């Protein structure tokens, strides 16, 4: 029996921790494609992300339901759920499925990168580089992953080492690897005080942790 099948059947093959994360609650569900609810990698509440809308999935969707709709749509990279519980309101738990995060892709773009009070949750569904979704030549603002507030940069690292450092730091939600070899480990995307959100050739890659 694989670890995934053991987990889905209630077995105990997924006990313990890995890189400080509970295997039974995080690693196994994600590897089994069951990363929804509190296990999903979502931005802080009220955080939106620009993207091209590929489908409006309707009203009255639960958090997990909206995430699952994105996972089940092969073109969907992330989902956005709006946050009113009033069924008479136009955005009553709307679920929007999107692709081309951060940059958008054309006439069907919706949203913005940053604080939007009407957004309940924005959640990743797909990667394009290992367990991350990466953008070339783009900076994203954030806060220090270690909470220091110093907007630190780590020098002398390869990109693989930068990624490994992010994997091992619980507060790291994304990293930027710069063309000068410096590595920025960040949390609180789009809303932090370190850096800016815009295209910049000095940023070799910015990668968001998806799972």
N, C-alpha and C. Protein backbone atom coordinates (compact mmCIF):
# COMPACT_ATOMS: atom_id res chain seq x y z
N UNK A 1 0.85 -1.19 0.00
CA UNK A 1 0.00 0.00 0.00
C UNK A 1 0.89 1.24 0.00
N UNK A 2 0.63 2.18 -0.91
CA UNK A 2 1.42 3.40 -0.96
C UNK A 2 1.04 4.32 0.19
N UNK A 3 1.92 5.31 0.45
CA UNK A 3 1.61 6.28 1.50
C UNK A 3 0.32 7.01 1.21
N UNK A 4 0.08 7.33 -0.07
CA UNK A 4 -1.14 8.03 -0.43
C UNK A 4 -2.37 7.18 -0.17
N UNK A 5 -2.34 5.92 -0.61
CA UNK A 5 -3.51 5.07 -0.41
C UNK A 5 -3.72 4.78 1.07
N UNK A 6 -2.61 4.68 1.83
CA UNK A 6 -2.74 4.47 3.27
C UNK A 6 -3.40 5.68 3.93
N UNK A 7 -3.00 6.87 3.48
CA UNK A 7 -3.57 8.08 4.08
C UNK A 7 -5.06 8.19 3.76
N UNK A 8 -5.44 7.97 2.50
CA UNK A 8 -6.84 8.13 2.13
C UNK A 8 -7.73 7.08 2.77
N UNK A 9 -7.16 5.93 3.12
CA UNK A 9 -7.96 4.88 3.76
C UNK A 9 -7.87 4.94 5.29
N UNK A 10 -7.18 5.96 5.80
CA UNK A 10 -7.08 6.12 7.24
C UNK A 10 -5.94 5.37 7.87
N UNK A 11 -5.00 4.89 7.05
CA UNK A 11 -3.85 4.17 7.57
C UNK A 11 -2.87 5.09 8.26
N UNK A 12 -1.81 4.51 8.80
CA UNK A 12 -0.87 5.28 9.62
C UNK A 12 0.48 5.47 8.96
N UNK A 13 0.58 5.22 7.65
CA UNK A 13 1.88 5.31 6.99
C UNK A 13 2.40 6.74 6.89
N UNK A 14 1.56 7.70 7.21
CA UNK A 14 1.95 9.10 7.06
C UNK A 14 2.16 9.77 8.41
N UNK A 15 2.67 9.07 9.38
CA UNK A 15 2.91 9.67 10.69
C UNK A 15 4.19 10.48 10.70
N UNK A 16 4.41 11.23 11.77
CA UNK A 16 5.65 11.98 11.94
C UNK A 16 5.63 13.33 11.26
N UNK A 17 6.83 13.91 11.13
CA UNK A 17 6.97 15.23 10.52
C UNK A 17 8.04 15.19 9.45
N UNK A 18 7.97 16.15 8.54
CA UNK A 18 8.99 16.32 7.50
C UNK A 18 9.22 17.81 7.33
N UNK A 19 10.47 18.26 7.53
CA UNK A 19 10.82 19.67 7.44
C UNK A 19 9.91 20.52 8.31
N UNK A 20 9.61 20.00 9.50
CA UNK A 20 8.82 20.74 10.46
C UNK A 20 7.33 20.75 10.19
N UNK A 21 6.88 20.00 9.17
CA UNK A 21 5.46 19.97 8.85
C UNK A 21 4.89 18.58 9.12
N UNK A 22 3.67 18.52 9.63
CA UNK A 22 3.03 17.25 9.93
C UNK A 22 2.78 16.47 8.64
N UNK A 23 3.34 15.28 8.54
CA UNK A 23 3.15 14.48 7.33
C UNK A 23 1.69 14.09 7.17
N UNK A 24 1.04 13.70 8.27
CA UNK A 24 -0.34 13.25 8.16
C UNK A 24 -1.29 14.38 7.78
N UNK A 25 -0.99 15.61 8.18
CA UNK A 25 -1.90 16.72 7.91
C UNK A 25 -1.54 17.53 6.68
N UNK A 26 -0.29 17.47 6.24
CA UNK A 26 0.14 18.35 5.15
C UNK A 26 0.73 17.58 3.98
N UNK A 27 1.82 16.87 4.22
CA UNK A 27 2.58 16.30 3.11
C UNK A 27 1.78 15.23 2.37
N UNK A 28 1.21 14.28 3.10
CA UNK A 28 0.45 13.22 2.42
C UNK A 28 -0.77 13.75 1.68
N UNK A 29 -1.60 14.59 2.29
CA UNK A 29 -2.75 15.10 1.53
C UNK A 29 -2.35 15.81 0.25
N UNK A 30 -1.26 16.58 0.30
CA UNK A 30 -0.86 17.31 -0.90
C UNK A 30 -0.35 16.36 -1.97
N UNK A 31 0.44 15.38 -1.57
CA UNK A 31 0.96 14.44 -2.55
C UNK A 31 -0.15 13.59 -3.14
N UNK A 32 -1.25 13.47 -2.42
CA UNK A 32 -2.39 12.70 -2.92
C UNK A 32 -3.37 13.57 -3.70
N UNK A 33 -3.06 14.84 -3.88
CA UNK A 33 -3.97 15.72 -4.60
C UNK A 33 -5.21 16.06 -3.81
N UNK A 34 -5.11 16.08 -2.48
CA UNK A 34 -6.26 16.36 -1.63
C UNK A 34 -6.02 17.61 -0.78
N UNK A 35 -5.29 18.54 -1.34
CA UNK A 35 -4.89 19.73 -0.59
C UNK A 35 -5.99 20.78 -0.64
N UNK A 36 -6.93 20.72 0.30
CA UNK A 36 -8.01 21.70 0.36
C UNK A 36 -8.18 22.15 1.80
N UNK A 37 -9.04 23.14 1.99
CA UNK A 37 -9.32 23.64 3.33
C UNK A 37 -8.08 24.20 3.98
N UNK A 38 -7.89 23.91 5.27
CA UNK A 38 -6.76 24.46 6.01
C UNK A 38 -5.43 23.91 5.52
N UNK A 39 -5.45 22.83 4.73
CA UNK A 39 -4.22 22.26 4.21
C UNK A 39 -3.75 22.94 2.93
N UNK A 40 -4.60 23.73 2.32
CA UNK A 40 -4.24 24.38 1.06
C UNK A 40 -3.25 25.51 1.30
N UNK A 41 -2.47 25.84 0.27
CA UNK A 41 -1.54 26.95 0.38
C UNK A 41 -2.24 28.20 -0.15
N UNK A 42 -2.81 28.96 0.75
CA UNK A 42 -3.59 30.15 0.40
C UNK A 42 -2.91 31.39 0.96
N UNK A 43 -3.17 32.52 0.35
CA UNK A 43 -2.67 33.79 0.85
C UNK A 43 -3.44 34.20 2.10
N UNK A 44 -2.91 35.17 2.86
CA UNK A 44 -3.69 35.70 3.98
C UNK A 44 -5.03 36.26 3.50
N UNK A 45 -6.03 36.23 4.38
CA UNK A 45 -7.35 36.76 4.02
C UNK A 45 -7.22 38.17 3.45
N UNK A 46 -8.13 38.52 2.55
CA UNK A 46 -8.19 39.85 1.93
C UNK A 46 -7.02 40.11 0.99
N UNK A 47 -6.38 39.05 0.49
CA UNK A 47 -5.29 39.21 -0.47
C UNK A 47 -5.74 38.67 -1.82
N UNK A 48 -5.73 39.53 -2.81
CA UNK A 48 -6.13 39.16 -4.17
C UNK A 48 -4.88 38.93 -5.01
N UNK A 49 -5.06 38.36 -6.21
CA UNK A 49 -3.97 38.22 -7.16
C UNK A 49 -4.53 38.36 -8.57
N UNK A 50 -3.87 39.19 -9.35
CA UNK A 50 -4.26 39.39 -10.74
C UNK A 50 -4.12 38.09 -11.52
N UNK A 51 -5.04 37.86 -12.43
CA UNK A 51 -4.95 36.69 -13.30
C UNK A 51 -6.02 36.72 -14.36
N UNK A 52 -5.84 35.89 -15.37
CA UNK A 52 -6.85 35.77 -16.42
C UNK A 52 -7.92 34.78 -15.96
N UNK A 53 -9.16 35.22 -15.95
CA UNK A 53 -10.24 34.35 -15.52
C UNK A 53 -10.60 33.36 -16.62
N UNK A 54 -10.57 32.08 -16.29
CA UNK A 54 -10.93 31.05 -17.26
C UNK A 54 -12.33 30.52 -17.03
N UNK A 55 -12.86 30.75 -15.82
CA UNK A 55 -14.21 30.28 -15.55
C UNK A 55 -14.75 30.96 -14.30
N UNK A 56 -15.99 31.44 -14.40
CA UNK A 56 -16.71 31.88 -13.21
C UNK A 56 -17.51 30.68 -12.73
N UNK A 57 -17.15 30.16 -11.56
CA UNK A 57 -17.69 28.88 -11.10
C UNK A 57 -18.94 29.02 -10.25
N UNK A 58 -19.54 30.20 -10.24
CA UNK A 58 -20.83 30.35 -9.59
C UNK A 58 -20.78 30.90 -8.19
N UNK A 59 -21.97 31.01 -7.60
CA UNK A 59 -22.15 31.57 -6.27
C UNK A 59 -22.30 30.46 -5.23
N UNK A 60 -22.16 30.84 -3.96
CA UNK A 60 -22.44 29.93 -2.86
C UNK A 60 -21.44 28.81 -2.69
N UNK A 61 -20.21 28.99 -3.18
CA UNK A 61 -19.20 27.94 -3.08
C UNK A 61 -18.50 27.98 -1.72
N UNK A 62 -18.27 26.82 -1.14
CA UNK A 62 -17.47 26.74 0.08
C UNK A 62 -16.00 26.96 -0.27
N UNK A 63 -15.18 27.16 0.75
CA UNK A 63 -13.74 27.31 0.51
C UNK A 63 -13.18 26.06 -0.17
N UNK A 64 -13.45 24.91 0.41
CA UNK A 64 -12.92 23.68 -0.16
C UNK A 64 -13.53 23.41 -1.53
N UNK A 65 -14.80 23.74 -1.71
CA UNK A 65 -15.44 23.52 -2.99
C UNK A 65 -14.80 24.33 -4.10
N UNK A 66 -14.47 25.58 -3.80
CA UNK A 66 -13.82 26.45 -4.79
C UNK A 66 -12.43 25.92 -5.12
N UNK A 67 -11.69 25.51 -4.10
CA UNK A 67 -10.35 24.96 -4.34
C UNK A 67 -10.43 23.70 -5.20
N UNK A 68 -11.40 22.84 -4.91
CA UNK A 68 -11.53 21.59 -5.65
C UNK A 68 -11.90 21.85 -7.11
N UNK A 69 -12.75 22.84 -7.36
CA UNK A 69 -13.11 23.17 -8.74
C UNK A 69 -11.88 23.57 -9.54
N UNK A 70 -10.97 24.30 -8.90
CA UNK A 70 -9.73 24.69 -9.59
C UNK A 70 -8.85 23.47 -9.83
N UNK A 71 -8.72 22.62 -8.84
CA UNK A 71 -7.89 21.42 -8.99
C UNK A 71 -8.42 20.51 -10.09
N UNK A 72 -9.73 20.50 -10.27
CA UNK A 72 -10.35 19.62 -11.26
C UNK A 72 -10.32 20.19 -12.67
N UNK A 73 -9.93 21.46 -12.81
CA UNK A 73 -9.85 22.10 -14.12
C UNK A 73 -8.38 22.21 -14.50
N UNK A 74 -7.96 21.51 -15.53
CA UNK A 74 -6.54 21.42 -15.87
C UNK A 74 -5.93 22.75 -16.27
N UNK A 75 -6.75 23.74 -16.61
CA UNK A 75 -6.23 25.06 -16.99
C UNK A 75 -6.12 26.00 -15.81
N UNK A 76 -6.68 25.62 -14.67
CA UNK A 76 -6.73 26.52 -13.51
C UNK A 76 -5.45 26.43 -12.70
N UNK A 77 -4.85 27.58 -12.43
CA UNK A 77 -3.63 27.65 -11.63
C UNK A 77 -3.94 28.10 -10.20
N UNK A 78 -4.93 28.98 -10.04
CA UNK A 78 -5.32 29.41 -8.69
C UNK A 78 -6.78 29.82 -8.69
N UNK A 79 -7.37 29.82 -7.50
CA UNK A 79 -8.77 30.20 -7.35
C UNK A 79 -8.89 31.39 -6.41
N UNK A 80 -9.94 32.17 -6.62
CA UNK A 80 -10.25 33.31 -5.75
C UNK A 80 -11.71 33.19 -5.34
N UNK A 81 -11.95 33.25 -4.03
CA UNK A 81 -13.32 33.19 -3.51
C UNK A 81 -13.64 34.51 -2.82
N UNK A 82 -14.75 35.11 -3.21
CA UNK A 82 -15.17 36.38 -2.61
C UNK A 82 -15.96 36.11 -1.34
N UNK A 83 -16.07 37.14 -0.48
CA UNK A 83 -16.37 36.83 0.92
C UNK A 83 -17.59 37.48 1.55
N UNK A 84 -18.73 37.32 0.98
CA UNK A 84 -19.93 37.73 1.70
C UNK A 84 -20.85 36.53 1.86
N UNK A 85 -21.48 36.40 3.03
CA UNK A 85 -22.40 35.29 3.25
C UNK A 85 -23.86 35.71 3.06
N UNK A 86 -24.06 36.88 2.45
CA UNK A 86 -25.41 37.37 2.17
C UNK A 86 -25.81 36.93 0.76
N UNK A 87 -26.77 36.01 0.62
CA UNK A 87 -27.14 35.52 -0.71
C UNK A 87 -27.75 36.58 -1.61
N UNK A 88 -28.10 37.74 -1.04
CA UNK A 88 -28.64 38.83 -1.85
C UNK A 88 -27.54 39.74 -2.38
N UNK A 89 -26.31 39.49 -1.96
CA UNK A 89 -25.18 40.29 -2.43
C UNK A 89 -24.64 39.71 -3.72
N UNK A 90 -24.20 40.57 -4.64
CA UNK A 90 -23.75 40.10 -5.96
C UNK A 90 -22.55 39.17 -5.88
N UNK A 91 -21.70 39.31 -4.85
CA UNK A 91 -20.51 38.46 -4.78
C UNK A 91 -20.63 37.39 -3.70
N UNK A 92 -21.83 36.87 -3.49
CA UNK A 92 -22.10 35.86 -2.47
C UNK A 92 -21.26 34.61 -2.71
N UNK A 93 -20.15 34.48 -1.97
CA UNK A 93 -19.24 33.34 -2.05
C UNK A 93 -18.95 32.96 -3.50
N UNK A 94 -18.70 33.96 -4.32
CA UNK A 94 -18.33 33.68 -5.71
C UNK A 94 -17.00 32.95 -5.78
N UNK A 95 -16.88 32.04 -6.73
CA UNK A 95 -15.63 31.32 -6.96
C UNK A 95 -15.16 31.61 -8.38
N UNK A 96 -13.95 32.12 -8.49
CA UNK A 96 -13.39 32.47 -9.80
C UNK A 96 -12.11 31.67 -10.03
N UNK A 97 -12.03 31.02 -11.17
CA UNK A 97 -10.89 30.17 -11.51
C UNK A 97 -10.00 30.92 -12.50
N UNK A 98 -8.68 30.92 -12.23
CA UNK A 98 -7.78 31.78 -13.00
C UNK A 98 -6.48 31.08 -13.39
N UNK A 99 -5.80 31.71 -14.34
CA UNK A 99 -4.45 31.32 -14.74
C UNK A 99 -3.64 32.60 -14.94
N UNK A 100 -2.38 32.45 -15.33
CA UNK A 100 -1.45 33.57 -15.52
C UNK A 100 -1.39 34.47 -14.28
N UNK A 101 -0.99 33.90 -13.14
CA UNK A 101 -0.95 34.68 -11.90
C UNK A 101 0.03 35.84 -11.94
N UNK A 102 -0.30 36.88 -11.22
CA UNK A 102 0.51 38.09 -11.01
C UNK A 102 0.50 39.00 -12.23
N UNK A 103 0.75 38.44 -13.41
CA UNK A 103 0.88 39.26 -14.62
C UNK A 103 -0.41 39.39 -15.40
N UNK A 104 -1.31 38.42 -15.28
CA UNK A 104 -2.49 38.40 -16.14
C UNK A 104 -2.12 37.97 -17.55
N UNK A 105 -3.15 37.87 -18.40
CA UNK A 105 -2.87 37.37 -19.73
C UNK A 105 -3.66 37.98 -20.86
N UNK A 106 -4.58 38.91 -20.56
CA UNK A 106 -5.34 39.47 -21.67
C UNK A 106 -6.63 40.12 -21.24
N UNK A 107 -7.61 40.09 -22.15
CA UNK A 107 -8.86 40.83 -21.95
C UNK A 107 -9.72 40.27 -20.83
N UNK A 108 -9.45 39.03 -20.41
CA UNK A 108 -10.26 38.42 -19.35
C UNK A 108 -9.61 38.55 -17.97
N UNK A 109 -8.62 39.44 -17.85
CA UNK A 109 -7.94 39.63 -16.57
C UNK A 109 -8.91 40.18 -15.53
N UNK A 110 -8.76 39.68 -14.30
CA UNK A 110 -9.55 40.19 -13.17
C UNK A 110 -8.66 40.25 -11.94
N UNK A 111 -9.01 41.17 -11.05
CA UNK A 111 -8.32 41.26 -9.78
C UNK A 111 -7.12 42.18 -9.81
N UNK A 112 -6.40 42.19 -8.69
CA UNK A 112 -5.19 42.99 -8.54
C UNK A 112 -4.28 42.31 -7.54
N UNK A 113 -3.02 42.69 -7.56
CA UNK A 113 -2.05 42.10 -6.65
C UNK A 113 -2.01 42.91 -5.36
N UNK A 114 -2.65 42.40 -4.31
CA UNK A 114 -2.63 43.12 -3.05
C UNK A 114 -3.91 43.00 -2.27
N UNK A 115 -4.11 43.95 -1.35
CA UNK A 115 -5.26 43.94 -0.44
C UNK A 115 -6.55 44.25 -1.18
N UNK A 116 -7.54 43.38 -1.00
CA UNK A 116 -8.90 43.61 -1.48
C UNK A 116 -9.84 43.04 -0.42
N UNK A 117 -10.62 43.90 0.22
CA UNK A 117 -11.42 43.46 1.36
C UNK A 117 -12.49 42.45 0.97
N UNK A 118 -12.90 42.43 -0.30
CA UNK A 118 -13.96 41.52 -0.74
C UNK A 118 -13.46 40.11 -1.00
N UNK A 119 -12.15 39.88 -0.89
CA UNK A 119 -11.59 38.55 -1.17
C UNK A 119 -11.50 37.74 0.12
N UNK A 120 -12.13 36.58 0.11
CA UNK A 120 -12.07 35.67 1.25
C UNK A 120 -10.78 34.86 1.22
N UNK A 121 -10.45 34.29 0.07
CA UNK A 121 -9.22 33.52 -0.03
C UNK A 121 -8.76 33.44 -1.48
N UNK A 122 -7.44 33.39 -1.64
CA UNK A 122 -6.79 33.15 -2.92
C UNK A 122 -5.86 31.97 -2.71
N UNK A 123 -6.06 30.89 -3.48
CA UNK A 123 -5.36 29.64 -3.22
C UNK A 123 -4.73 29.07 -4.48
N UNK A 124 -3.50 28.58 -4.33
CA UNK A 124 -2.80 27.92 -5.42
C UNK A 124 -3.37 26.52 -5.66
N UNK A 125 -3.30 26.10 -6.92
CA UNK A 125 -3.70 24.73 -7.27
C UNK A 125 -2.62 23.99 -8.04
N UNK A 126 -1.76 24.73 -8.79
CA UNK A 126 -0.80 24.06 -9.66
C UNK A 126 0.58 24.69 -9.58
N UNK A 127 1.57 23.85 -9.84
CA UNK A 127 2.97 24.26 -9.88
C UNK A 127 3.44 24.29 -11.34
N UNK A 128 4.58 24.93 -11.56
CA UNK A 128 5.25 24.82 -12.86
C UNK A 128 6.75 24.56 -12.70
N UNK A 129 7.19 24.39 -11.43
CA UNK A 129 8.60 24.13 -11.16
C UNK A 129 8.73 23.43 -9.81
N UNK A 130 8.77 22.10 -9.83
CA UNK A 130 8.81 21.37 -8.58
C UNK A 130 7.56 21.63 -7.77
N UNK A 131 7.72 22.04 -6.50
CA UNK A 131 6.57 22.35 -5.66
C UNK A 131 6.27 23.85 -5.63
N UNK A 132 6.75 24.58 -6.64
CA UNK A 132 6.58 26.03 -6.72
C UNK A 132 5.94 26.43 -8.05
N UNK A 133 5.37 27.65 -8.04
CA UNK A 133 4.97 28.30 -9.29
C UNK A 133 5.87 29.51 -9.46
N UNK A 134 6.59 29.57 -10.58
CA UNK A 134 7.64 30.58 -10.76
C UNK A 134 7.33 31.54 -11.91
N UNK A 135 7.80 32.77 -11.75
CA UNK A 135 7.72 33.81 -12.77
C UNK A 135 9.13 34.32 -13.03
N UNK A 136 9.48 34.49 -14.28
CA UNK A 136 10.79 35.06 -14.62
C UNK A 136 10.72 36.58 -14.62
N UNK A 137 11.81 37.20 -14.17
CA UNK A 137 12.00 38.65 -14.26
C UNK A 137 10.86 39.44 -13.62
N UNK A 138 10.47 39.02 -12.41
CA UNK A 138 9.39 39.71 -11.71
C UNK A 138 9.71 39.76 -10.22
N UNK A 139 9.58 40.96 -9.65
CA UNK A 139 9.67 41.13 -8.20
C UNK A 139 8.27 41.09 -7.60
N UNK A 140 8.18 40.62 -6.37
CA UNK A 140 6.93 40.67 -5.60
C UNK A 140 7.27 41.17 -4.20
N UNK A 141 6.51 42.12 -3.72
CA UNK A 141 6.75 42.64 -2.37
C UNK A 141 6.33 41.61 -1.33
N UNK A 142 6.92 41.70 -0.15
CA UNK A 142 6.58 40.78 0.93
C UNK A 142 7.27 41.20 2.21
N UNK A 143 7.15 40.38 3.23
CA UNK A 143 7.85 40.59 4.50
C UNK A 143 8.92 39.52 4.67
N UNK A 144 9.93 39.83 5.49
CA UNK A 144 10.95 38.83 5.79
C UNK A 144 10.31 37.55 6.31
N UNK A 145 10.74 36.42 5.76
CA UNK A 145 10.18 35.14 6.18
C UNK A 145 10.50 34.83 7.64
N UNK A 146 11.59 35.40 8.16
CA UNK A 146 11.95 35.12 9.56
C UNK A 146 11.36 36.14 10.53
N UNK A 147 10.57 37.09 10.00
CA UNK A 147 9.91 38.07 10.86
C UNK A 147 10.82 39.16 11.39
N UNK A 148 12.03 39.27 10.86
CA UNK A 148 13.00 40.24 11.40
C UNK A 148 12.68 41.68 11.00
N UNK A 149 12.00 41.86 9.89
CA UNK A 149 11.69 43.21 9.42
C UNK A 149 12.86 43.93 8.79
N UNK A 150 13.95 43.22 8.50
CA UNK A 150 15.15 43.85 7.96
C UNK A 150 15.23 43.80 6.44
N UNK A 151 14.27 43.14 5.80
CA UNK A 151 14.29 42.97 4.33
C UNK A 151 15.63 42.37 3.89
N UNK A 152 16.02 41.30 4.57
CA UNK A 152 17.34 40.70 4.37
C UNK A 152 17.47 40.04 3.01
N UNK A 153 18.69 40.02 2.50
CA UNK A 153 19.06 39.26 1.32
C UNK A 153 20.17 38.29 1.71
N UNK A 154 20.10 37.08 1.18
CA UNK A 154 21.10 36.06 1.46
C UNK A 154 22.00 35.94 0.23
N UNK A 155 23.29 36.07 0.44
CA UNK A 155 24.23 36.06 -0.68
C UNK A 155 24.97 34.73 -0.74
N UNK A 156 25.56 34.47 -1.90
CA UNK A 156 26.39 33.28 -2.07
C UNK A 156 25.63 31.99 -2.21
N UNK A 157 24.34 32.06 -2.54
CA UNK A 157 23.53 30.86 -2.70
C UNK A 157 23.21 30.61 -4.17
N UNK A 158 23.13 29.35 -4.55
CA UNK A 158 22.55 29.02 -5.85
C UNK A 158 21.03 29.12 -5.72
N UNK A 159 20.33 29.08 -6.85
CA UNK A 159 18.87 29.12 -6.74
C UNK A 159 18.34 27.88 -6.03
N UNK A 160 18.94 26.73 -6.28
CA UNK A 160 18.50 25.52 -5.58
C UNK A 160 18.64 25.68 -4.07
N UNK A 161 19.73 26.30 -3.63
CA UNK A 161 19.92 26.52 -2.20
C UNK A 161 18.92 27.53 -1.66
N UNK A 162 18.61 28.54 -2.45
CA UNK A 162 17.61 29.53 -2.06
C UNK A 162 16.26 28.84 -1.87
N UNK A 163 15.91 27.97 -2.79
CA UNK A 163 14.63 27.24 -2.70
C UNK A 163 14.62 26.32 -1.49
N UNK A 164 15.71 25.63 -1.25
CA UNK A 164 15.79 24.73 -0.10
C UNK A 164 15.63 25.51 1.20
N UNK A 165 16.21 26.71 1.25
CA UNK A 165 16.07 27.54 2.45
C UNK A 165 14.61 27.93 2.67
N UNK A 166 13.90 28.24 1.58
CA UNK A 166 12.48 28.58 1.70
C UNK A 166 11.68 27.37 2.17
N UNK A 167 12.00 26.20 1.62
CA UNK A 167 11.31 24.97 2.02
C UNK A 167 11.42 24.73 3.52
N UNK A 168 12.54 25.11 4.10
CA UNK A 168 12.82 24.77 5.49
C UNK A 168 12.42 25.86 6.48
N UNK A 169 11.86 26.96 5.98
CA UNK A 169 11.47 28.06 6.86
C UNK A 169 9.95 28.19 6.85
N UNK A 170 9.33 28.00 7.99
CA UNK A 170 7.86 27.94 8.04
C UNK A 170 7.20 29.23 7.58
N UNK A 171 7.87 30.37 7.75
CA UNK A 171 7.29 31.65 7.35
C UNK A 171 7.51 32.01 5.90
N UNK A 172 8.23 31.17 5.16
CA UNK A 172 8.54 31.48 3.76
C UNK A 172 7.44 30.99 2.85
N UNK A 173 6.84 31.90 2.10
CA UNK A 173 5.79 31.57 1.14
C UNK A 173 6.25 31.76 -0.30
N UNK A 174 7.34 32.52 -0.47
CA UNK A 174 7.91 32.67 -1.81
C UNK A 174 9.34 33.18 -1.67
N UNK A 175 10.10 33.02 -2.73
CA UNK A 175 11.46 33.56 -2.75
C UNK A 175 11.70 34.26 -4.07
N UNK A 176 12.62 35.21 -4.06
CA UNK A 176 13.10 35.84 -5.28
C UNK A 176 14.60 35.58 -5.38
N UNK A 177 15.02 35.01 -6.50
CA UNK A 177 16.44 34.80 -6.75
C UNK A 177 16.88 35.81 -7.79
N UNK A 178 17.84 36.65 -7.42
CA UNK A 178 18.22 37.78 -8.25
C UNK A 178 19.39 37.44 -9.16
N UNK A 179 19.56 38.25 -10.19
CA UNK A 179 20.64 38.02 -11.14
C UNK A 179 22.01 38.24 -10.51
N UNK A 180 22.07 38.98 -9.39
CA UNK A 180 23.36 39.18 -8.71
C UNK A 180 23.66 38.06 -7.71
N UNK A 181 22.82 37.01 -7.68
CA UNK A 181 23.05 35.87 -6.81
C UNK A 181 22.48 36.00 -5.42
N UNK A 182 21.80 37.11 -5.13
CA UNK A 182 21.17 37.28 -3.82
C UNK A 182 19.81 36.60 -3.78
N UNK A 183 19.45 36.14 -2.60
CA UNK A 183 18.21 35.39 -2.40
C UNK A 183 17.36 36.10 -1.35
N UNK A 184 16.11 36.38 -1.69
CA UNK A 184 15.16 36.99 -0.75
C UNK A 184 14.11 35.95 -0.37
N UNK A 185 13.96 35.70 0.92
CA UNK A 185 12.97 34.76 1.44
C UNK A 185 11.85 35.56 2.06
N UNK A 186 10.63 35.37 1.57
CA UNK A 186 9.55 36.28 1.95
C UNK A 186 8.25 35.55 2.30
N UNK A 187 7.42 36.26 3.06
CA UNK A 187 6.04 35.88 3.33
C UNK A 187 5.15 37.08 3.04
N UNK A 188 3.85 36.94 3.30
CA UNK A 188 2.89 38.03 3.12
C UNK A 188 2.99 38.66 1.73
N UNK A 189 2.82 37.87 0.67
CA UNK A 189 3.00 38.38 -0.69
C UNK A 189 2.08 39.54 -1.03
N UNK A 190 2.64 40.50 -1.76
CA UNK A 190 1.97 41.70 -2.27
C UNK A 190 1.68 42.74 -1.19
N UNK A 191 1.72 42.37 0.08
CA UNK A 191 1.29 43.28 1.13
C UNK A 191 2.40 43.60 2.13
N UNK A 192 3.56 43.01 1.93
CA UNK A 192 4.67 43.26 2.85
C UNK A 192 5.40 44.55 2.53
N UNK A 193 6.34 44.90 3.40
CA UNK A 193 7.05 46.18 3.29
C UNK A 193 8.39 46.07 2.56
N UNK A 194 8.77 44.86 2.16
CA UNK A 194 10.05 44.67 1.48
C UNK A 194 9.85 44.58 -0.02
N UNK A 195 10.46 45.50 -0.75
CA UNK A 195 10.43 45.42 -2.20
C UNK A 195 9.17 45.98 -2.82
N UNK A 196 8.89 45.52 -4.03
CA UNK A 196 7.79 46.04 -4.84
C UNK A 196 7.27 44.92 -5.71
N UNK A 197 6.14 45.14 -6.35
CA UNK A 197 5.57 44.14 -7.25
C UNK A 197 5.53 44.73 -8.66
N UNK A 198 6.46 44.28 -9.47
CA UNK A 198 6.53 44.76 -10.85
C UNK A 198 7.58 43.95 -11.61
N UNK A 199 7.51 44.04 -12.92
CA UNK A 199 8.52 43.39 -13.75
C UNK A 199 9.87 44.08 -13.53
N UNK A 200 10.92 43.26 -13.42
CA UNK A 200 12.26 43.80 -13.20
C UNK A 200 13.27 42.75 -13.63
N UNK A 201 14.12 43.09 -14.59
CA UNK A 201 15.08 42.13 -15.12
C UNK A 201 16.15 41.74 -14.11
N UNK A 202 16.25 42.47 -13.00
CA UNK A 202 17.21 42.08 -11.96
C UNK A 202 16.73 40.88 -11.15
N UNK A 203 15.46 40.57 -11.26
CA UNK A 203 14.91 39.38 -10.60
C UNK A 203 14.94 38.22 -11.58
N UNK A 204 15.83 37.27 -11.34
CA UNK A 204 15.88 36.13 -12.26
C UNK A 204 14.58 35.34 -12.20
N UNK A 205 14.16 35.00 -10.97
CA UNK A 205 12.89 34.30 -10.81
C UNK A 205 12.29 34.60 -9.44
N UNK A 206 10.97 34.70 -9.41
CA UNK A 206 10.23 34.71 -8.15
C UNK A 206 9.34 33.48 -8.16
N UNK A 207 9.40 32.71 -7.08
CA UNK A 207 8.70 31.43 -7.02
C UNK A 207 7.85 31.34 -5.76
N UNK A 208 6.58 31.03 -5.94
CA UNK A 208 5.63 30.88 -4.84
C UNK A 208 5.52 29.41 -4.45
N UNK A 209 5.56 29.12 -3.16
CA UNK A 209 5.39 27.75 -2.70
C UNK A 209 3.93 27.34 -2.87
N UNK A 210 3.70 26.25 -3.56
CA UNK A 210 2.35 25.74 -3.79
C UNK A 210 2.07 24.54 -2.88
N UNK A 211 3.03 23.64 -2.74
CA UNK A 211 2.85 22.51 -1.84
C UNK A 211 4.21 22.01 -1.36
